[in-house]
């Protein structure tokens, strides 16, 4: 494994975070039993990728210096 990626694109990180949130939600009495954590993780990853793409486009459009 030589390629690196940002932490927010890691399925492992998002799965763990969603698992923690679901567990805490259950402890607080929220009905989280019906939530499919795999589908939720995929939805979150897709959302993060979409937001990252929007920021990349925005950054390039508003940049004041050319790329070398």
PDB file of N, CA and C in Angstrom:
ATOM      1  N   UNK A   1       0.851  -1.168   0.000  1.00  0.00           N
ATOM      2  CA  UNK A   1       0.000   0.000   0.000  1.00  0.00           C
ATOM      3  C   UNK A   1       0.900   1.236   0.000  1.00  0.00           C
ATOM      4  N   UNK A   2       1.151   1.789  -1.174  1.00  0.00           N
ATOM      5  CA  UNK A   2       2.052   2.928  -1.272  1.00  0.00           C
ATOM      6  C   UNK A   2       1.321   4.238  -1.555  1.00  0.00           C
ATOM      7  N   UNK A   3       0.123   4.161  -2.099  1.00  0.00           N
ATOM      8  CA  UNK A   3      -0.622   5.380  -2.393  1.00  0.00           C
ATOM      9  C   UNK A   3      -1.258   5.929  -1.125  1.00  0.00           C
ATOM     10  N   UNK A   4      -1.281   7.238  -1.022  1.00  0.00           N
ATOM     11  CA  UNK A   4      -1.876   7.881   0.136  1.00  0.00           C
ATOM     12  C   UNK A   4      -3.112   8.637  -0.300  1.00  0.00           C
ATOM     13  N   UNK A   5      -4.068   8.747   0.622  1.00  0.00           N
ATOM     14  CA  UNK A   5      -5.283   9.496   0.347  1.00  0.00           C
ATOM     15  C   UNK A   5      -5.668  10.241   1.611  1.00  0.00           C
ATOM     16  N   UNK A   6      -6.494  11.259   1.472  1.00  0.00           N
ATOM     17  CA  UNK A   6      -6.937  11.991   2.662  1.00  0.00           C
ATOM     18  C   UNK A   6      -7.751  11.085   3.582  1.00  0.00           C
ATOM     19  N   UNK A   7      -7.706  11.364   4.873  1.00  0.00           N
ATOM     20  CA  UNK A   7      -8.411  10.549   5.859  1.00  0.00           C
ATOM     21  C   UNK A   7      -9.899  10.488   5.582  1.00  0.00           C
ATOM     22  N   UNK A   8     -10.463  11.585   5.061  1.00  0.00           N
ATOM     23  CA  UNK A   8     -11.912  11.635   4.870  1.00  0.00           C
ATOM     24  C   UNK A   8     -12.392  10.804   3.680  1.00  0.00           C
ATOM     25  N   UNK A   9     -11.498  10.220   2.931  1.00  0.00           N
ATOM     26  CA  UNK A   9     -11.889   9.315   1.847  1.00  0.00           C
ATOM     27  C   UNK A   9     -11.725   7.850   2.240  1.00  0.00           C
ATOM     28  N   UNK A  10     -11.392   7.606   3.497  1.00  0.00           N
ATOM     29  CA  UNK A  10     -11.193   6.249   3.985  1.00  0.00           C
ATOM     30  C   UNK A  10     -12.514   5.629   4.432  1.00  0.00           C
ATOM     31  N   UNK A  11     -12.874   4.510   3.823  1.00  0.00           N
ATOM     32  CA  UNK A  11     -14.090   3.808   4.224  1.00  0.00           C
ATOM     33  C   UNK A  11     -13.977   3.296   5.656  1.00  0.00           C
ATOM     34  N   UNK A  12     -12.781   2.920   6.061  1.00  0.00           N
ATOM     35  CA  UNK A  12     -12.581   2.427   7.419  1.00  0.00           C
ATOM     36  C   UNK A  12     -12.863   3.519   8.442  1.00  0.00           C
ATOM     37  N   UNK A  13     -12.359   4.718   8.192  1.00  0.00           N
ATOM     38  CA  UNK A  13     -12.585   5.832   9.115  1.00  0.00           C
ATOM     39  C   UNK A  13     -14.072   6.151   9.198  1.00  0.00           C
ATOM     40  N   UNK A  14     -14.754   6.247   8.052  1.00  0.00           N
ATOM     41  CA  UNK A  14     -16.184   6.571   8.053  1.00  0.00           C
ATOM     42  C   UNK A  14     -17.006   5.463   8.689  1.00  0.00           C
ATOM     43  N   UNK A  15     -16.657   4.219   8.427  1.00  0.00           N
ATOM     44  CA  UNK A  15     -17.387   3.109   9.044  1.00  0.00           C
ATOM     45  C   UNK A  15     -17.254   3.144  10.554  1.00  0.00           C
ATOM     46  N   UNK A  16     -16.048   3.393  11.032  1.00  0.00           N
ATOM     47  CA  UNK A  16     -15.823   3.465  12.472  1.00  0.00           C
ATOM     48  C   UNK A  16     -16.578   4.644  13.077  1.00  0.00           C
ATOM     49  N   UNK A  17     -16.539   5.786  12.424  1.00  0.00           N
ATOM     50  CA  UNK A  17     -17.236   6.969  12.938  1.00  0.00           C
ATOM     51  C   UNK A  17     -18.741   6.742  12.988  1.00  0.00           C
ATOM     52  N   UNK A  18     -19.294   6.143  11.949  1.00  0.00           N
ATOM     53  CA  UNK A  18     -20.727   5.874  11.915  1.00  0.00           C
ATOM     54  C   UNK A  18     -21.093   4.841  12.969  1.00  0.00           C
ATOM     55  N   UNK A  19     -20.246   3.871  13.174  1.00  0.00           N
ATOM     56  CA  UNK A  19     -20.481   2.877  14.213  1.00  0.00           C
ATOM     57  C   UNK A  19     -20.511   3.528  15.593  1.00  0.00           C
ATOM     58  N   UNK A  20     -19.583   4.434  15.851  1.00  0.00           N
ATOM     59  CA  UNK A  20     -19.546   5.139  17.132  1.00  0.00           C
ATOM     60  C   UNK A  20     -20.809   5.987  17.307  1.00  0.00           C
ATOM     61  N   UNK A  21     -21.184   6.720  16.272  1.00  0.00           N
ATOM     62  CA  UNK A  21     -22.381   7.564  16.345  1.00  0.00           C
ATOM     63  C   UNK A  21     -23.631   6.713  16.558  1.00  0.00           C
ATOM     64  N   UNK A  22     -23.739   5.600  15.853  1.00  0.00           N
ATOM     65  CA  UNK A  22     -24.897   4.717  16.016  1.00  0.00           C
ATOM     66  C   UNK A  22     -24.949   4.142  17.432  1.00  0.00           C
ATOM     67  N   UNK A  23     -23.796   3.770  17.959  1.00  0.00           N
ATOM     68  CA  UNK A  23     -23.747   3.234  19.321  1.00  0.00           C
ATOM     69  C   UNK A  23     -24.143   4.293  20.338  1.00  0.00           C
ATOM     70  N   UNK A  24     -23.597   5.496  20.177  1.00  0.00           N
ATOM     71  CA  UNK A  24     -23.965   6.585  21.083  1.00  0.00           C
ATOM     72  C   UNK A  24     -25.448   6.932  20.968  1.00  0.00           C
ATOM     73  N   UNK A  25     -25.954   6.909  19.744  1.00  0.00           N
ATOM     74  CA  UNK A  25     -27.379   7.167  19.543  1.00  0.00           C
ATOM     75  C   UNK A  25     -28.236   6.138  20.256  1.00  0.00           C
ATOM     76  N   UNK A  26     -27.848   4.875  20.186  1.00  0.00           N
ATOM     77  CA  UNK A  26     -28.567   3.821  20.890  1.00  0.00           C
ATOM     78  C   UNK A  26     -28.519   4.013  22.393  1.00  0.00           C
ATOM     79  N   UNK A  27     -27.363   4.449  22.887  1.00  0.00           N
ATOM     80  CA  UNK A  27     -27.228   4.693  24.327  1.00  0.00           C
ATOM     81  C   UNK A  27     -28.112   5.846  24.778  1.00  0.00           C
ATOM     82  N   UNK A  28     -28.349   6.802  23.894  1.00  0.00           N
ATOM     83  CA  UNK A  28     -29.170   7.959  24.226  1.00  0.00           C
ATOM     84  C   UNK A  28     -30.652   7.719  23.958  1.00  0.00           C
ATOM     85  N   UNK A  29     -30.980   6.508  23.503  1.00  0.00           N
ATOM     86  CA  UNK A  29     -32.382   6.163  23.295  1.00  0.00           C
ATOM     87  C   UNK A  29     -32.908   6.428  21.902  1.00  0.00           C
ATOM     88  N   UNK A  30     -32.041   6.773  20.957  1.00  0.00           N
ATOM     89  CA  UNK A  30     -32.491   6.984  19.582  1.00  0.00           C
ATOM     90  C   UNK A  30     -32.669   5.640  18.881  1.00  0.00           C
ATOM     91  N   UNK A  31     -33.708   5.491  18.068  1.00  0.00           N
ATOM     92  CA  UNK A  31     -33.925   4.223  17.371  1.00  0.00           C
ATOM     93  C   UNK A  31     -32.972   4.072  16.178  1.00  0.00           C
ATOM     94  N   UNK A  32     -31.844   3.422  16.387  1.00  0.00           N
ATOM     95  CA  UNK A  32     -30.843   3.258  15.325  1.00  0.00           C
ATOM     96  C   UNK A  32     -30.761   1.824  14.831  1.00  0.00           C
ATOM     97  N   UNK A  33     -31.597   0.935  15.343  1.00  0.00           N
ATOM     98  CA  UNK A  33     -31.537  -0.471  14.954  1.00  0.00           C
ATOM     99  C   UNK A  33     -31.860  -0.711  13.493  1.00  0.00           C
ATOM    100  N   UNK A  34     -32.730   0.121  12.925  1.00  0.00           N
ATOM    101  CA  UNK A  34     -33.151  -0.085  11.542  1.00  0.00           C
ATOM    102  C   UNK A  34     -32.177   0.514  10.534  1.00  0.00           C
ATOM    103  N   UNK A  35     -31.179   1.248  10.998  1.00  0.00           N
ATOM    104  CA  UNK A  35     -30.228   1.900  10.107  1.00  0.00           C
ATOM    105  C   UNK A  35     -29.222   0.870   9.605  1.00  0.00           C
ATOM    106  N   UNK A  36     -29.075   0.781   8.299  1.00  0.00           N
ATOM    107  CA  UNK A  36     -28.073  -0.101   7.699  1.00  0.00           C
ATOM    108  C   UNK A  36     -26.756   0.672   7.638  1.00  0.00           C
ATOM    109  N   UNK A  37     -25.801   0.309   8.484  1.00  0.00           N
ATOM    110  CA  UNK A  37     -24.563   1.072   8.586  1.00  0.00           C
ATOM    111  C   UNK A  37     -23.743   1.047   7.308  1.00  0.00           C
ATOM    112  N   UNK A  38     -23.814  -0.036   6.543  1.00  0.00           N
ATOM    113  CA  UNK A  38     -23.059  -0.102   5.277  1.00  0.00           C
ATOM    114  C   UNK A  38     -23.620   0.908   4.283  1.00  0.00           C
ATOM    115  N   UNK A  39     -24.941   0.960   4.153  1.00  0.00           N
ATOM    116  CA  UNK A  39     -25.550   1.928   3.239  1.00  0.00           C
ATOM    117  C   UNK A  39     -25.305   3.356   3.706  1.00  0.00           C
ATOM    118  N   UNK A  40     -25.365   3.566   5.006  1.00  0.00           N
ATOM    119  CA  UNK A  40     -25.099   4.899   5.548  1.00  0.00           C
ATOM    120  C   UNK A  40     -23.660   5.322   5.277  1.00  0.00           C
ATOM    121  N   UNK A  41     -22.722   4.396   5.439  1.00  0.00           N
ATOM    122  CA  UNK A  41     -21.316   4.694   5.158  1.00  0.00           C
ATOM    123  C   UNK A  41     -21.124   5.060   3.688  1.00  0.00           C
ATOM    124  N   UNK A  42     -21.732   4.293   2.791  1.00  0.00           N
ATOM    125  CA  UNK A  42     -21.625   4.608   1.363  1.00  0.00           C
ATOM    126  C   UNK A  42     -22.218   5.976   1.045  1.00  0.00           C
ATOM    127  N   UNK A  43     -23.358   6.296   1.647  1.00  0.00           N
ATOM    128  CA  UNK A  43     -23.988   7.594   1.416  1.00  0.00           C
ATOM    129  C   UNK A  43     -23.105   8.731   1.911  1.00  0.00           C
ATOM    130  N   UNK A  44     -22.497   8.543   3.079  1.00  0.00           N
ATOM    131  CA  UNK A  44     -21.611   9.576   3.625  1.00  0.00           C
ATOM    132  C   UNK A  44     -20.387   9.745   2.730  1.00  0.00           C
ATOM    133  N   UNK A  45     -19.794   8.647   2.287  1.00  0.00           N
ATOM    134  CA  UNK A  45     -18.614   8.733   1.411  1.00  0.00           C
ATOM    135  C   UNK A  45     -18.941   9.433   0.099  1.00  0.00           C
ATOM    136  N   UNK A  46     -20.099   9.141  -0.467  1.00  0.00           N
ATOM    137  CA  UNK A  46     -20.500   9.804  -1.700  1.00  0.00           C
ATOM    138  C   UNK A  46     -20.711  11.296  -1.474  1.00  0.00           C
ATOM    139  N   UNK A  47     -21.281  11.641  -0.337  1.00  0.00           N
ATOM    140  CA  UNK A  47     -21.491  13.054  -0.011  1.00  0.00           C
ATOM    141  C   UNK A  47     -20.159  13.776   0.164  1.00  0.00           C
ATOM    142  N   UNK A  48     -19.234  13.142   0.863  1.00  0.00           N
ATOM    143  CA  UNK A  48     -17.918  13.742   1.076  1.00  0.00           C
ATOM    144  C   UNK A  48     -17.201  13.933  -0.264  1.00  0.00           C
ATOM    145  N   UNK A  49     -17.273  12.940  -1.130  1.00  0.00           N
ATOM    146  CA  UNK A  49     -16.633  13.051  -2.450  1.00  0.00           C
ATOM    147  C   UNK A  49     -17.254  14.184  -3.262  1.00  0.00           C
ATOM    148  N   UNK A  50     -18.569  14.315  -3.198  1.00  0.00           N
ATOM    149  CA  UNK A  50     -19.242  15.383  -3.934  1.00  0.00           C
ATOM    150  C   UNK A  50     -18.840  16.755  -3.403  1.00  0.00           C
ATOM    151  N   UNK A  51     -18.807  16.899  -2.091  1.00  0.00           N
ATOM    152  CA  UNK A  51     -18.415  18.181  -1.489  1.00  0.00           C
ATOM    153  C   UNK A  51     -16.962  18.500  -1.825  1.00  0.00           C
ATOM    154  N   UNK A  52     -16.088  17.500  -1.780  1.00  0.00           N
ATOM    155  CA  UNK A  52     -14.680  17.712  -2.120  1.00  0.00           C
ATOM    156  C   UNK A  52     -14.546  18.167  -3.575  1.00  0.00           C
ATOM    157  N   UNK A  53     -15.340  17.590  -4.461  1.00  0.00           N
ATOM    158  CA  UNK A  53     -15.312  17.999  -5.861  1.00  0.00           C
ATOM    159  C   UNK A  53     -15.760  19.439  -6.056  1.00  0.00           C
ATOM    160  N   UNK A  54     -16.803  19.819  -5.340  1.00  0.00           N
ATOM    161  CA  UNK A  54     -17.296  21.198  -5.424  1.00  0.00           C
ATOM    162  C   UNK A  54     -16.232  22.167  -4.924  1.00  0.00           C
ATOM    163  N   UNK A  55     -15.579  21.841  -3.800  1.00  0.00           N
ATOM    164  CA  UNK A  55     -14.526  22.710  -3.284  1.00  0.00           C
ATOM    165  C   UNK A  55     -13.339  22.788  -4.246  1.00  0.00           C
ATOM    166  N   UNK A  56     -13.006  21.681  -4.894  1.00  0.00           N
ATOM    167  CA  UNK A  56     -11.896  21.692  -5.852  1.00  0.00           C
ATOM    168  C   UNK A  56     -12.211  22.612  -7.028  1.00  0.00           C
ATOM    169  N   UNK A  57     -13.424  22.506  -7.542  1.00  0.00           N
ATOM    170  CA  UNK A  57     -13.828  23.373  -8.655  1.00  0.00           C
ATOM    171  C   UNK A  57     -13.850  24.829  -8.212  1.00  0.00           C
ATOM    172  N   UNK A  58     -14.451  25.091  -7.058  1.00  0.00           N
ATOM    173  CA  UNK A  58     -14.503  26.459  -6.527  1.00  0.00           C
ATOM    174  C   UNK A  58     -13.100  27.024  -6.338  1.00  0.00           C
ATOM    175  N   UNK A  59     -12.203  26.211  -5.786  1.00  0.00           N
ATOM    176  CA  UNK A  59     -10.838  26.660  -5.574  1.00  0.00           C
ATOM    177  C   UNK A  59     -10.125  27.007  -6.861  1.00  0.00           C
ATOM    178  N   UNK A  60     -10.342  26.210  -7.880  1.00  0.00           N
ATOM    179  CA  UNK A  60      -9.667  26.472  -9.159  1.00  0.00           C
ATOM    180  C   UNK A  60     -10.258  27.694  -9.854  1.00  0.00           C
ATOM    181  N   UNK A  61     -11.571  27.851  -9.775  1.00  0.00           N
ATOM    182  CA  UNK A  61     -12.219  28.987 -10.429  1.00  0.00           C
ATOM    183  C   UNK A  61     -11.841  30.307  -9.753  1.00  0.00           C
ATOM    184  N   UNK A  62     -11.695  30.294  -8.450  1.00  0.00           N
ATOM    185  CA  UNK A  62     -11.388  31.521  -7.728  1.00  0.00           C
ATOM    186  C   UNK A  62      -9.892  31.730  -7.514  1.00  0.00           C
ATOM    187  N   UNK A  63      -9.068  30.856  -8.024  1.00  0.00           N
ATOM    188  CA  UNK A  63      -7.620  30.978  -7.840  1.00  0.00           C
ATOM    189  C   UNK A  63      -7.099  32.231  -8.547  1.00  0.00           C
ATOM    190  N   UNK A  64      -6.100  32.811  -7.964  1.00  0.00           N
ATOM    191  CA  UNK A  64      -5.509  34.019  -8.543  1.00  0.00           C
ATOM    192  C   UNK A  64      -4.171  33.756  -9.222  1.00  0.00           C
ATOM    193  N   UNK A  65      -3.662  32.533  -9.130  1.00  0.00           N
ATOM    194  CA  UNK A  65      -2.389  32.178  -9.752  1.00  0.00           C
ATOM    195  C   UNK A  65      -2.578  31.001 -10.690  1.00  0.00           C
ATOM    196  N   UNK A  66      -1.815  30.976 -11.755  1.00  0.00           N
ATOM    197  CA  UNK A  66      -1.865  29.876 -12.708  1.00  0.00           C
ATOM    198  C   UNK A  66      -1.134  28.664 -12.157  1.00  0.00           C
ATOM    199  N   UNK A  67      -1.523  27.493 -12.630  1.00  0.00           N
ATOM    200  CA  UNK A  67      -0.827  26.255 -12.268  1.00  0.00           C
ATOM    201  C   UNK A  67       0.459  26.147 -13.063  1.00  0.00           C
ATOM    202  N   UNK A  68       1.483  25.563 -12.489  1.00  0.00           N
ATOM    203  CA  UNK A  68       2.762  25.386 -13.202  1.00  0.00           C
ATOM    204  C   UNK A  68       2.887  23.981 -13.683  1.00  0.00           C
TER     205      UNK A  68
END
